[in-house]
Amino acid sequence: MKTIDRQSAKALSLDMMEALKAVATKHGVQFRDKGGSFTPNNVTFRIEAAVIGATGVAETKERTEYPRYCQMYGLKAEWLDQSFTSAGGESYTIVGLNTRKHKNPILCKRVSDGKIYVFSAEAVKMYMAMAAAPKA
C-alpha cells in the first residue's frame, strides 16, 4: 500500500474487525467499529469493546444509559428490548439511548437485518402506544 484512501481505510477496518472476532470470543466482549479518520499516510480507528451481559447482549454505553435516562424523554425503562412496528411496516427493537443526540436519541435495531436506526423519543412513544393498543 502506497497511500491510504477511503476505500483502503474501509478495507483495513473490515479486516481488522474480522481478526478481532477471536479476541472478542476469548474475552467475552463485543467489538464495535466507531469510525475513524485517515490521511494519505496514516489511519486512526475507533473501536469500542462492550462486555457481553448475562442475557447475551453487549452492554454498550447507550444500552446502560437507557434505563438511567429514559424517563427524561418520557419513555419507560421496560421498553428496552421491546419491539414496535413503524409506519413503514418495519419492525424495530429498542436497544439504547444516546444522550448526546437531541433530536433522535433512541437507538433501535431493525429486526430484518440488525441495522441500527435512530428515532425521536416522540416517535418511539407513539409506536409503543400503537403496539400496546388492543387489536380490533
C-alpha atoms as a PDB file:
ATOM      1  CA  MET A   1       0.000   0.000   0.000  1.00  0.00           C
ATOM      2  CA  LYS A   2       1.481   3.314  -1.063  1.00  0.00           C
ATOM      3  CA  THR A   3      -1.219   5.673   0.273  1.00  0.00           C
ATOM      4  CA  ILE A   4      -4.376   5.421   2.303  1.00  0.00           C
ATOM      5  CA  ASP A   5      -7.678   6.478   0.787  1.00  0.00           C
ATOM      6  CA  ARG A   6     -11.290   5.939   1.846  1.00  0.00           C
ATOM      7  CA  GLN A   7     -11.511   2.501   0.214  1.00  0.00           C
ATOM      8  CA  SER A   8      -8.268   1.190   1.684  1.00  0.00           C
ATOM      9  CA  ALA A   9      -9.165   2.541   5.149  1.00  0.00           C
ATOM     10  CA  LYS A  10     -12.523   0.756   4.938  1.00  0.00           C
ATOM     11  CA  ALA A  11     -10.840  -2.483   3.783  1.00  0.00           C
ATOM     12  CA  LEU A  12      -8.364  -2.279   6.674  1.00  0.00           C
ATOM     13  CA  SER A  13     -11.215  -1.679   9.115  1.00  0.00           C
ATOM     14  CA  LEU A  14     -13.196  -4.675   7.854  1.00  0.00           C
ATOM     15  CA  ASP A  15     -10.140  -6.957   8.024  1.00  0.00           C
ATOM     16  CA  MET A  16      -9.279  -5.693  11.495  1.00  0.00           C
ATOM     17  CA  MET A  17     -12.809  -6.283  12.819  1.00  0.00           C
ATOM     18  CA  GLU A  18     -12.758  -9.801  11.344  1.00  0.00           C
ATOM     19  CA  ALA A  19      -9.408 -10.505  13.034  1.00  0.00           C
ATOM     20  CA  LEU A  20     -10.766  -9.243  16.381  1.00  0.00           C
ATOM     21  CA  LYS A  21     -13.563 -11.844  16.453  1.00  0.00           C
ATOM     22  CA  ALA A  22     -11.308 -14.447  18.096  1.00  0.00           C
ATOM     23  CA  VAL A  23     -10.178 -11.924  20.725  1.00  0.00           C
ATOM     24  CA  ALA A  24     -13.805 -10.973  21.407  1.00  0.00           C
ATOM     25  CA  THR A  25     -14.804 -14.605  21.899  1.00  0.00           C
ATOM     26  CA  LYS A  26     -11.812 -15.298  24.150  1.00  0.00           C
ATOM     27  CA  HIS A  27     -12.580 -12.349  26.453  1.00  0.00           C
ATOM     28  CA  GLY A  28     -16.394 -12.343  26.318  1.00  0.00           C
ATOM     29  CA  VAL A  29     -16.745  -8.927  24.753  1.00  0.00           C
ATOM     30  CA  GLN A  30     -18.176  -7.486  21.566  1.00  0.00           C
ATOM     31  CA  PHE A  31     -16.181  -5.041  19.458  1.00  0.00           C
ATOM     32  CA  ARG A  32     -17.917  -2.274  17.541  1.00  0.00           C
ATOM     33  CA  ASP A  33     -16.390  -0.119  14.832  1.00  0.00           C
ATOM     34  CA  LYS A  34     -16.917   3.513  15.832  1.00  0.00           C
ATOM     35  CA  GLY A  35     -15.386   5.059  12.711  1.00  0.00           C
ATOM     36  CA  GLY A  36     -12.080   6.840  12.478  1.00  0.00           C
ATOM     37  CA  SER A  37     -10.072   9.199  10.340  1.00  0.00           C
ATOM     38  CA  PHE A  38      -7.327   8.938   7.766  1.00  0.00           C
ATOM     39  CA  THR A  39      -4.715  10.900   5.869  1.00  0.00           C
ATOM     40  CA  PRO A  40      -2.741   9.691   2.856  1.00  0.00           C
ATOM     41  CA  ASN A  41      -0.076   8.378   5.280  1.00  0.00           C
ATOM     42  CA  ASN A  42      -1.974   7.015   8.291  1.00  0.00           C
ATOM     43  CA  VAL A  43      -5.331   5.917   9.617  1.00  0.00           C
ATOM     44  CA  THR A  44      -6.816   6.044  13.118  1.00  0.00           C
ATOM     45  CA  PHE A  45      -9.572   3.617  14.110  1.00  0.00           C
ATOM     46  CA  ARG A  46     -12.042   3.944  16.980  1.00  0.00           C
ATOM     47  CA  ILE A  47     -13.170   0.626  18.432  1.00  0.00           C
ATOM     48  CA  GLU A  48     -15.496   0.068  21.357  1.00  0.00           C
ATOM     49  CA  ALA A  49     -15.419  -3.093  23.452  1.00  0.00           C
ATOM     50  CA  ALA A  50     -18.533  -3.955  25.457  1.00  0.00           C
ATOM     51  CA  VAL A  51     -18.966  -6.815  27.921  1.00  0.00           C
ATOM     52  CA  ILE A  52     -21.493  -9.474  26.921  1.00  0.00           C
ATOM     53  CA  GLY A  53     -24.131  -9.495  29.661  1.00  0.00           C
ATOM     54  CA  ALA A  54     -25.987 -12.444  31.185  1.00  0.00           C
ATOM     55  CA  THR A  55     -28.687 -12.104  28.518  1.00  0.00           C
ATOM     56  CA  GLY A  56     -26.102 -12.492  25.744  1.00  0.00           C
ATOM     57  CA  VAL A  57     -26.371  -8.835  24.710  1.00  0.00           C
ATOM     58  CA  ALA A  58     -23.434  -6.415  24.666  1.00  0.00           C
ATOM     59  CA  GLU A  59     -23.691  -3.847  27.470  1.00  0.00           C
ATOM     60  CA  THR A  60     -22.866  -0.770  25.383  1.00  0.00           C
ATOM     61  CA  LYS A  61     -22.838   2.750  26.792  1.00  0.00           C
ATOM     62  CA  GLU A  62     -26.141   3.508  25.028  1.00  0.00           C
ATOM     63  CA  ARG A  63     -27.742   0.361  26.431  1.00  0.00           C
ATOM     64  CA  THR A  64     -26.748   1.130  30.031  1.00  0.00           C
ATOM     65  CA  GLU A  65     -27.854   4.770  29.659  1.00  0.00           C
ATOM     66  CA  TYR A  66     -31.368   3.854  28.517  1.00  0.00           C
ATOM     67  CA  PRO A  67     -32.789   2.821  31.927  1.00  0.00           C
ATOM     68  CA  ARG A  68     -30.905   5.645  33.633  1.00  0.00           C
ATOM     69  CA  TYR A  69     -32.217   8.483  31.438  1.00  0.00           C
ATOM     70  CA  CYS A  70     -35.315   7.205  29.625  1.00  0.00           C
ATOM     71  CA  GLN A  71     -37.749   8.971  31.963  1.00  0.00           C
ATOM     72  CA  MET A  72     -36.237  12.326  30.977  1.00  0.00           C
ATOM     73  CA  TYR A  73     -37.527  11.593  27.467  1.00  0.00           C
ATOM     74  CA  GLY A  74     -40.936  10.331  28.595  1.00  0.00           C
ATOM     75  CA  LEU A  75     -40.045   6.707  27.892  1.00  0.00           C
ATOM     76  CA  LYS A  76     -40.423   3.624  30.073  1.00  0.00           C
ATOM     77  CA  ALA A  77     -37.465   1.547  31.278  1.00  0.00           C
ATOM     78  CA  GLU A  78     -39.254  -1.718  30.458  1.00  0.00           C
ATOM     79  CA  TRP A  79     -39.359  -0.745  26.764  1.00  0.00           C
ATOM     80  CA  LEU A  80     -35.673  -1.657  26.400  1.00  0.00           C
ATOM     81  CA  ASP A  81     -35.510  -4.766  24.158  1.00  0.00           C
ATOM     82  CA  GLN A  82     -39.192  -4.432  23.221  1.00  0.00           C
ATOM     83  CA  SER A  83     -40.251  -4.184  19.587  1.00  0.00           C
ATOM     84  CA  PHE A  84     -42.614  -1.958  17.631  1.00  0.00           C
ATOM     85  CA  THR A  85     -43.679  -1.626  14.012  1.00  0.00           C
ATOM     86  CA  SER A  86     -43.001   1.685  12.267  1.00  0.00           C
ATOM     87  CA  ALA A  87     -45.328   3.445   9.842  1.00  0.00           C
ATOM     88  CA  GLY A  88     -43.386   1.821   7.001  1.00  0.00           C
ATOM     89  CA  GLY A  89     -44.241  -1.654   8.310  1.00  0.00           C
ATOM     90  CA  GLU A  90     -40.715  -2.491   9.509  1.00  0.00           C
ATOM     91  CA  SER A  91     -40.196  -3.969  12.978  1.00  0.00           C
ATOM     92  CA  TYR A  92     -37.617  -2.401  15.303  1.00  0.00           C
ATOM     93  CA  THR A  93     -36.321  -3.282  18.771  1.00  0.00           C
ATOM     94  CA  ILE A  94     -35.283  -0.550  21.214  1.00  0.00           C
ATOM     95  CA  VAL A  95     -31.614  -1.116  22.087  1.00  0.00           C
ATOM     96  CA  GLY A  96     -30.341   2.099  23.677  1.00  0.00           C
ATOM     97  CA  LEU A  97     -30.307   5.838  24.251  1.00  0.00           C
ATOM     98  CA  ASN A  98     -27.658   8.289  23.086  1.00  0.00           C
ATOM     99  CA  THR A  99     -27.890  11.320  25.375  1.00  0.00           C
ATOM    100  CA  ARG A 100     -25.651  13.319  23.046  1.00  0.00           C
ATOM    101  CA  LYS A 101     -28.295  13.280  20.318  1.00  0.00           C
ATOM    102  CA  HIS A 102     -31.075  15.764  20.992  1.00  0.00           C
ATOM    103  CA  LYS A 103     -33.427  15.226  18.043  1.00  0.00           C
ATOM    104  CA  ASN A 104     -33.147  11.443  17.627  1.00  0.00           C
ATOM    105  CA  PRO A 105     -31.651   9.893  20.769  1.00  0.00           C
ATOM    106  CA  ILE A 106     -33.309   6.465  20.693  1.00  0.00           C
ATOM    107  CA  LEU A 107     -31.349   3.619  19.087  1.00  0.00           C
ATOM    108  CA  CYS A 108     -33.441   0.881  17.515  1.00  0.00           C
ATOM    109  CA  LYS A 109     -32.317  -2.258  15.709  1.00  0.00           C
ATOM    110  CA  ARG A 110     -34.250  -3.201  12.585  1.00  0.00           C
ATOM    111  CA  VAL A 111     -35.375  -6.793  13.093  1.00  0.00           C
ATOM    112  CA  SER A 112     -34.990  -7.807   9.432  1.00  0.00           C
ATOM    113  CA  ASP A 113     -31.257  -7.065   9.128  1.00  0.00           C
ATOM    114  CA  GLY A 114     -29.931  -5.904  12.523  1.00  0.00           C
ATOM    115  CA  LYS A 115     -29.033  -2.412  11.291  1.00  0.00           C
ATOM    116  CA  ILE A 116     -29.234   0.337  13.919  1.00  0.00           C
ATOM    117  CA  TYR A 117     -31.503   3.335  13.271  1.00  0.00           C
ATOM    118  CA  VAL A 118     -32.211   6.419  15.365  1.00  0.00           C
ATOM    119  CA  PHE A 119     -35.684   7.626  16.326  1.00  0.00           C
ATOM    120  CA  SER A 120     -37.048  10.617  18.191  1.00  0.00           C
ATOM    121  CA  ALA A 121     -38.469   9.980  21.639  1.00  0.00           C
ATOM    122  CA  GLU A 122     -41.864  11.191  20.407  1.00  0.00           C
ATOM    123  CA  ALA A 123     -41.901   8.668  17.554  1.00  0.00           C
ATOM    124  CA  VAL A 124     -40.961   5.807  19.882  1.00  0.00           C
ATOM    125  CA  LYS A 125     -43.681   6.798  22.367  1.00  0.00           C
ATOM    126  CA  MET A 126     -46.238   6.849  19.544  1.00  0.00           C
ATOM    127  CA  TYR A 127     -45.124   3.482  18.121  1.00  0.00           C
ATOM    128  CA  MET A 128     -45.042   1.852  21.556  1.00  0.00           C
ATOM    129  CA  ALA A 129     -48.570   3.144  22.286  1.00  0.00           C
ATOM    130  CA  MET A 130     -49.710   1.664  18.979  1.00  0.00           C
ATOM    131  CA  ALA A 131     -48.040  -1.646  19.833  1.00  0.00           C
ATOM    132  CA  ALA A 132     -49.762  -1.741  23.233  1.00  0.00           C
ATOM    133  CA  ALA A 133     -53.204  -0.852  21.845  1.00  0.00           C
ATOM    134  CA  PRO A 134     -55.628  -3.749  21.573  1.00  0.00           C
ATOM    135  CA  LYS A 135     -56.076  -5.054  18.031  1.00  0.00           C
ATOM    136  CA  ALA A 136     -59.571  -4.649  16.637  1.00  0.00           C
END
